[in-house]
C-alpha atoms as a PDB file:
ATOM      1  CA  MET A   1      -5.365  62.710  36.733  1.00  0.00           C
ATOM      2  CA  SER A   2      -6.596  60.015  39.072  1.00  0.00           C
ATOM      3  CA  PRO A   3      -6.899  56.388  37.919  1.00  0.00           C
ATOM      4  CA  HIS A   4     -10.683  56.671  38.243  1.00  0.00           C
ATOM      5  CA  ASN A   5     -10.814  59.348  35.526  1.00  0.00           C
ATOM      6  CA  LEU A   6      -8.690  57.495  32.956  1.00  0.00           C
ATOM      7  CA  ASN A   7     -10.349  56.286  29.799  1.00  0.00           C
ATOM      8  CA  TYR A   8      -8.736  52.861  29.335  1.00  0.00           C
ATOM      9  CA  ARG A   9      -9.815  52.738  25.688  1.00  0.00           C
ATOM     10  CA  ASP A  10      -7.154  55.326  25.003  1.00  0.00           C
ATOM     11  CA  PHE A  11      -4.486  52.761  25.806  1.00  0.00           C
ATOM     12  CA  SER A  12      -3.719  50.481  22.867  1.00  0.00           C
ATOM     13  CA  ILE A  13      -3.117  47.469  25.101  1.00  0.00           C
ATOM     14  CA  PHE A  14      -6.735  47.565  26.292  1.00  0.00           C
ATOM     15  CA  ASN A  15      -8.142  48.350  22.883  1.00  0.00           C
ATOM     16  CA  ALA A  16      -6.157  45.696  20.992  1.00  0.00           C
ATOM     17  CA  GLN A  17      -8.091  42.995  19.169  1.00  0.00           C
ATOM     18  CA  LEU A  18      -6.437  39.754  18.137  1.00  0.00           C
ATOM     19  CA  GLN A  19      -6.751  39.027  14.439  1.00  0.00           C
ATOM     20  CA  ARG A  20      -8.955  35.938  14.128  1.00  0.00           C
ATOM     21  CA  PRO A  21      -7.507  33.132  11.975  1.00  0.00           C
ATOM     22  CA  ILE A  22      -8.875  33.356   8.439  1.00  0.00           C
ATOM     23  CA  PRO A  23      -8.979  30.193   6.325  1.00  0.00           C
ATOM     24  CA  MET A  24      -7.436  30.375   2.873  1.00  0.00           C
ATOM     25  CA  GLN A  25      -9.522  29.756  -0.207  1.00  0.00           C
ATOM     26  CA  MET A  26     -10.514  26.123  -0.637  1.00  0.00           C
ATOM     27  CA  ARG A  27      -9.053  24.239  -3.600  1.00  0.00           C
ATOM     28  CA  PRO A  28     -11.495  23.196  -6.345  1.00  0.00           C
ATOM     29  CA  GLY A  29     -13.150  19.848  -5.603  1.00  0.00           C
ATOM     30  CA  TYR A  30     -12.296  19.937  -1.896  1.00  0.00           C
ATOM     31  CA  SER A  31     -14.926  20.049   0.820  1.00  0.00           C
ATOM     32  CA  ILE A  32     -15.009  21.432   4.353  1.00  0.00           C
ATOM     33  CA  LEU A  33     -14.905  18.860   7.117  1.00  0.00           C
ATOM     34  CA  ARG A  34     -15.313  19.347  10.853  1.00  0.00           C
ATOM     35  CA  PRO A  35     -12.984  16.791  12.460  1.00  0.00           C
ATOM     36  CA  PRO A  36     -14.109  15.217  15.701  1.00  0.00           C
ATOM     37  CA  SER A  37     -12.647  16.890  18.746  1.00  0.00           C
ATOM     38  CA  THR A  38     -13.597  17.283  22.328  1.00  0.00           C
ATOM     39  CA  PRO A  39     -14.834  20.806  23.029  1.00  0.00           C
ATOM     40  CA  ASP A  40     -13.224  20.689  26.473  1.00  0.00           C
ATOM     41  CA  SER A  41      -9.729  20.101  25.086  1.00  0.00           C
ATOM     42  CA  TRP A  42     -10.310  22.840  22.478  1.00  0.00           C
ATOM     43  CA  ARG A  43     -11.397  25.291  25.201  1.00  0.00           C
ATOM     44  CA  GLN A  44      -8.362  24.388  27.311  1.00  0.00           C
ATOM     45  CA  VAL A  45      -5.991  25.293  24.497  1.00  0.00           C
ATOM     46  CA  PHE A  46      -8.046  28.158  23.047  1.00  0.00           C
ATOM     47  CA  PRO A  47     -10.101  29.803  25.785  1.00  0.00           C
ATOM     48  CA  GLY A  48     -12.656  32.096  24.182  1.00  0.00           C
ATOM     49  CA  LEU A  49     -12.108  30.814  20.622  1.00  0.00           C
ATOM     50  CA  SER A  50     -15.054  28.995  19.047  1.00  0.00           C
ATOM     51  CA  THR A  51     -14.727  25.348  18.006  1.00  0.00           C
ATOM     52  CA  ASN A  52     -16.038  26.526  14.613  1.00  0.00           C
ATOM     53  CA  TYR A  53     -12.394  27.233  13.763  1.00  0.00           C
ATOM     54  CA  ASN A  54     -11.691  23.480  13.972  1.00  0.00           C
ATOM     55  CA  ILE A  55     -12.106  22.670  10.287  1.00  0.00           C
ATOM     56  CA  CYS A  56     -10.053  21.091   7.555  1.00  0.00           C
ATOM     57  CA  TYR A  57     -10.313  20.785   3.792  1.00  0.00           C
ATOM     58  CA  GLU A  58     -10.796  17.249   2.474  1.00  0.00           C
ATOM     59  CA  SER A  59      -9.593  16.326  -1.001  1.00  0.00           C
ATOM     60  CA  PRO A  60     -12.005  14.632  -3.388  1.00  0.00           C
ATOM     61  CA  LEU A  61     -12.055  10.843  -3.416  1.00  0.00           C
ATOM     62  CA  ASP A  62     -10.944   9.127  -6.595  1.00  0.00           C
ATOM     63  CA  PRO A  63     -13.928   6.971  -7.653  1.00  0.00           C
ATOM     64  CA  ASN A  64     -11.612   4.815  -9.804  1.00  0.00           C
ATOM     65  CA  HIS A  65      -9.261   3.788  -6.982  1.00  0.00           C
ATOM     66  CA  LEU A  66      -9.574   0.017  -6.536  1.00  0.00           C
ATOM     67  CA  HIS A  67      -8.957  -1.979  -3.377  1.00  0.00           C
ATOM     68  CA  ARG A  68      -8.935  -5.733  -2.737  1.00  0.00           C
ATOM     69  CA  CYS A  69     -11.098  -6.733   0.217  1.00  0.00           C
ATOM     70  CA  SER A  70      -9.104  -7.880   3.264  1.00  0.00           C
ATOM     71  CA  ILE A  71     -11.746 -10.159   4.733  1.00  0.00           C
ATOM     72  CA  LEU A  72     -10.478 -13.770   4.604  1.00  0.00           C
ATOM     73  CA  GLY A  73     -11.970 -15.727   1.751  1.00  0.00           C
ATOM     74  CA  CYS A  74     -13.030 -12.635  -0.195  1.00  0.00           C
ATOM     75  CA  ASP A  75     -10.989 -11.843  -3.258  1.00  0.00           C
ATOM     76  CA  GLN A  76     -13.233  -9.115  -4.620  1.00  0.00           C
ATOM     77  CA  THR A  77     -11.641  -5.967  -5.920  1.00  0.00           C
ATOM     78  CA  ILE A  78     -13.930  -3.017  -5.403  1.00  0.00           C
ATOM     79  CA  ALA A  79     -13.925   0.738  -5.786  1.00  0.00           C
ATOM     80  CA  ALA A  80     -12.517   2.005  -2.502  1.00  0.00           C
ATOM     81  CA  ILE A  81     -15.359   4.487  -2.115  1.00  0.00           C
ATOM     82  CA  ASP A  82     -17.737   1.508  -2.009  1.00  0.00           C
ATOM     83  CA  ILE A  83     -15.911  -0.294   0.832  1.00  0.00           C
ATOM     84  CA  ARG A  84     -18.633   0.318   3.427  1.00  0.00           C
ATOM     85  CA  GLN A  85     -21.377  -0.867   1.075  1.00  0.00           C
ATOM     86  CA  HIS A  86     -19.349  -3.957   0.122  1.00  0.00           C
ATOM     87  CA  LEU A  87     -18.820  -4.876   3.777  1.00  0.00           C
ATOM     88  CA  GLN A  88     -22.518  -4.446   4.573  1.00  0.00           C
ATOM     89  CA  ASN A  89     -23.625  -6.481   1.539  1.00  0.00           C
ATOM     90  CA  PHE A  90     -21.089  -9.324   1.635  1.00  0.00           C
ATOM     91  CA  HIS A  91     -19.724  -9.429   5.177  1.00  0.00           C
ATOM     92  CA  HIS A  92     -22.678  -8.704   7.433  1.00  0.00           C
ATOM     93  CA  GLY A  93     -21.487  -8.466  11.028  1.00  0.00           C
ATOM     94  CA  TYR A  94     -17.877  -7.733  10.037  1.00  0.00           C
ATOM     95  CA  SER A  95     -17.702  -4.961  12.623  1.00  0.00           C
ATOM     96  CA  GLN A  96     -18.029  -7.159  15.673  1.00  0.00           C
ATOM     97  CA  ILE A  97     -15.880  -5.725  18.420  1.00  0.00           C
ATOM     98  CA  SER A  98     -13.607  -8.779  18.727  1.00  0.00           C
ATOM     99  CA  LEU A  99     -13.042  -9.276  14.984  1.00  0.00           C
ATOM    100  CA  ARG A 100      -9.590  -8.214  13.733  1.00  0.00           C
ATOM    101  CA  LEU A 101      -8.120  -8.369  10.247  1.00  0.00           C
ATOM    102  CA  VAL A 102      -4.961  -7.544   8.329  1.00  0.00           C
ATOM    103  CA  CYS A 103      -5.053  -5.184   5.379  1.00  0.00           C
ATOM    104  CA  THR A 104      -4.158  -7.022   2.163  1.00  0.00           C
ATOM    105  CA  ASP A 105      -2.668  -4.010   0.403  1.00  0.00           C
ATOM    106  CA  SER A 106       0.974  -4.916  -0.305  1.00  0.00           C
ATOM    107  CA  GLN A 107       2.117  -1.364   0.497  1.00  0.00           C
ATOM    108  CA  CYS A 108       0.355  -1.265   3.875  1.00  0.00           C
ATOM    109  CA  GLN A 109       2.504  -1.257   6.992  1.00  0.00           C
ATOM    110  CA  ARG A 110      -0.442  -1.177   9.403  1.00  0.00           C
ATOM    111  CA  GLY A 111      -0.570  -4.793  10.575  1.00  0.00           C
ATOM    112  CA  ASP A 112      -3.812  -5.965  12.121  1.00  0.00           C
ATOM    113  CA  LEU A 113      -6.677  -3.626  12.903  1.00  0.00           C
ATOM    114  CA  ALA A 114     -10.174  -3.775  14.320  1.00  0.00           C
ATOM    115  CA  ALA A 115     -12.655  -4.730  11.614  1.00  0.00           C
ATOM    116  CA  ARG A 116     -14.875  -1.779  12.510  1.00  0.00           C
ATOM    117  CA  SER A 117     -11.914   0.519  11.639  1.00  0.00           C
ATOM    118  CA  TYR A 118     -11.288  -1.133   8.272  1.00  0.00           C
ATOM    119  CA  PRO A 119     -13.465   1.143   6.067  1.00  0.00           C
ATOM    120  CA  LYS A 120     -11.912   4.254   7.587  1.00  0.00           C
ATOM    121  CA  HIS A 121      -8.439   2.721   7.207  1.00  0.00           C
ATOM    122  CA  VAL A 122      -9.000   2.045   3.495  1.00  0.00           C
ATOM    123  CA  LEU A 123     -10.341   5.530   2.829  1.00  0.00           C
ATOM    124  CA  GLU A 124      -7.635   7.341   4.814  1.00  0.00           C
ATOM    125  CA  HIS A 125      -4.585   5.257   3.899  1.00  0.00           C
ATOM    126  CA  HIS A 126      -5.235   3.792   0.460  1.00  0.00           C
ATOM    127  CA  CYS A 127      -7.340   6.350  -1.385  1.00  0.00           C
ATOM    128  CA  ASN A 128      -4.864   9.209  -1.292  1.00  0.00           C
ATOM    129  CA  ILE A 129      -7.271  11.469   0.559  1.00  0.00           C
ATOM    130  CA  ILE A 130      -5.554  14.591   1.797  1.00  0.00           C
ATOM    131  CA  PHE A 131      -6.727  16.745   4.680  1.00  0.00           C
ATOM    132  CA  LEU A 132      -5.409  20.300   4.515  1.00  0.00           C
ATOM    133  CA  CYS A 133      -5.033  22.815   7.298  1.00  0.00           C
ATOM    134  CA  PRO A 134      -7.129  25.686   5.929  1.00  0.00           C
ATOM    135  CA  TYR A 135      -4.991  28.229   7.762  1.00  0.00           C
ATOM    136  CA  CYS A 136      -1.468  27.323   6.623  1.00  0.00           C
ATOM    137  CA  GLY A 137      -1.887  24.667   3.902  1.00  0.00           C
ATOM    138  CA  LEU A 138      -0.022  21.776   5.561  1.00  0.00           C
ATOM    139  CA  HIS A 139      -1.485  18.417   4.560  1.00  0.00           C
ATOM    140  CA  TYR A 140      -2.188  15.248   6.519  1.00  0.00           C
ATOM    141  CA  THR A 141      -3.683  11.798   5.928  1.00  0.00           C
ATOM    142  CA  ARG A 142      -6.166  12.069   8.825  1.00  0.00           C
ATOM    143  CA  SER A 143      -8.565  14.837   9.781  1.00  0.00           C
ATOM    144  CA  GLN A 144      -7.707  14.403  13.460  1.00  0.00           C
ATOM    145  CA  SER A 145      -4.094  15.209  12.620  1.00  0.00           C
ATOM    146  CA  VAL A 146      -5.196  18.613  11.332  1.00  0.00           C
ATOM    147  CA  THR A 147      -6.931  19.295  14.654  1.00  0.00           C
ATOM    148  CA  ARG A 148      -3.804  18.274  16.571  1.00  0.00           C
ATOM    149  CA  HIS A 149      -1.703  20.498  14.286  1.00  0.00           C
ATOM    150  CA  ILE A 150      -4.022  23.488  14.835  1.00  0.00           C
ATOM    151  CA  MET A 151      -3.990  22.987  18.593  1.00  0.00           C
ATOM    152  CA  GLN A 152      -0.210  22.516  18.868  1.00  0.00           C
ATOM    153  CA  ASP A 153       1.684  23.977  15.918  1.00  0.00           C
ATOM    154  CA  CYS A 154      -0.275  26.085  13.421  1.00  0.00           C
ATOM    155  CA  THR A 155       1.211  29.575  13.377  1.00  0.00           C
ATOM    156  CA  ALA A 156      -2.194  31.112  12.600  1.00  0.00           C
ATOM    157  CA  PHE A 157      -3.248  30.152  16.147  1.00  0.00           C
ATOM    158  CA  GLN A 158      -0.080  31.012  18.063  1.00  0.00           C
ATOM    159  CA  ASP A 159      -1.620  34.124  19.663  1.00  0.00           C
ATOM    160  CA  PHE A 160      -4.665  32.150  20.862  1.00  0.00           C
ATOM    161  CA  ARG A 161      -2.969  29.204  22.576  1.00  0.00           C
ATOM    162  CA  HIS A 162      -3.262  29.145  26.325  1.00  0.00           C
ATOM    163  CA  SER A 163       0.206  28.660  27.737  1.00  0.00           C
END
């Protein structure tokens, strides 16, 4: 039989389909989040795999978690979920590019940070929010860490990584 007459679908190597990663069932109260990522870096690692697979599960925020404001001169203790509203209402202009502050939480090891990053810092580091990899269940404190994990380590994606 000449190579021109072969039906390549008869060969399993040509007919093989990779099993697409399937997310596990989301825990009650969690929500789906699409972490920011650059489509170009995703396509470099996973050529042909949609960025729609770049998701994580975000744990619910505890509305009773309290946080003391870190802006100098402000001693208000507020619900952490209201940090953005508090900053807008009481510290208008807090997010100026040059403004830096130090988190007042006694357990915080962060040091100084840009004021515009402060609300995100409070929510991610002091509210016990967990971001889960929906494919293997590993948990992280930042959604971007889930993306990095998926792109580098998650076993559900090992057959899709471009080497």
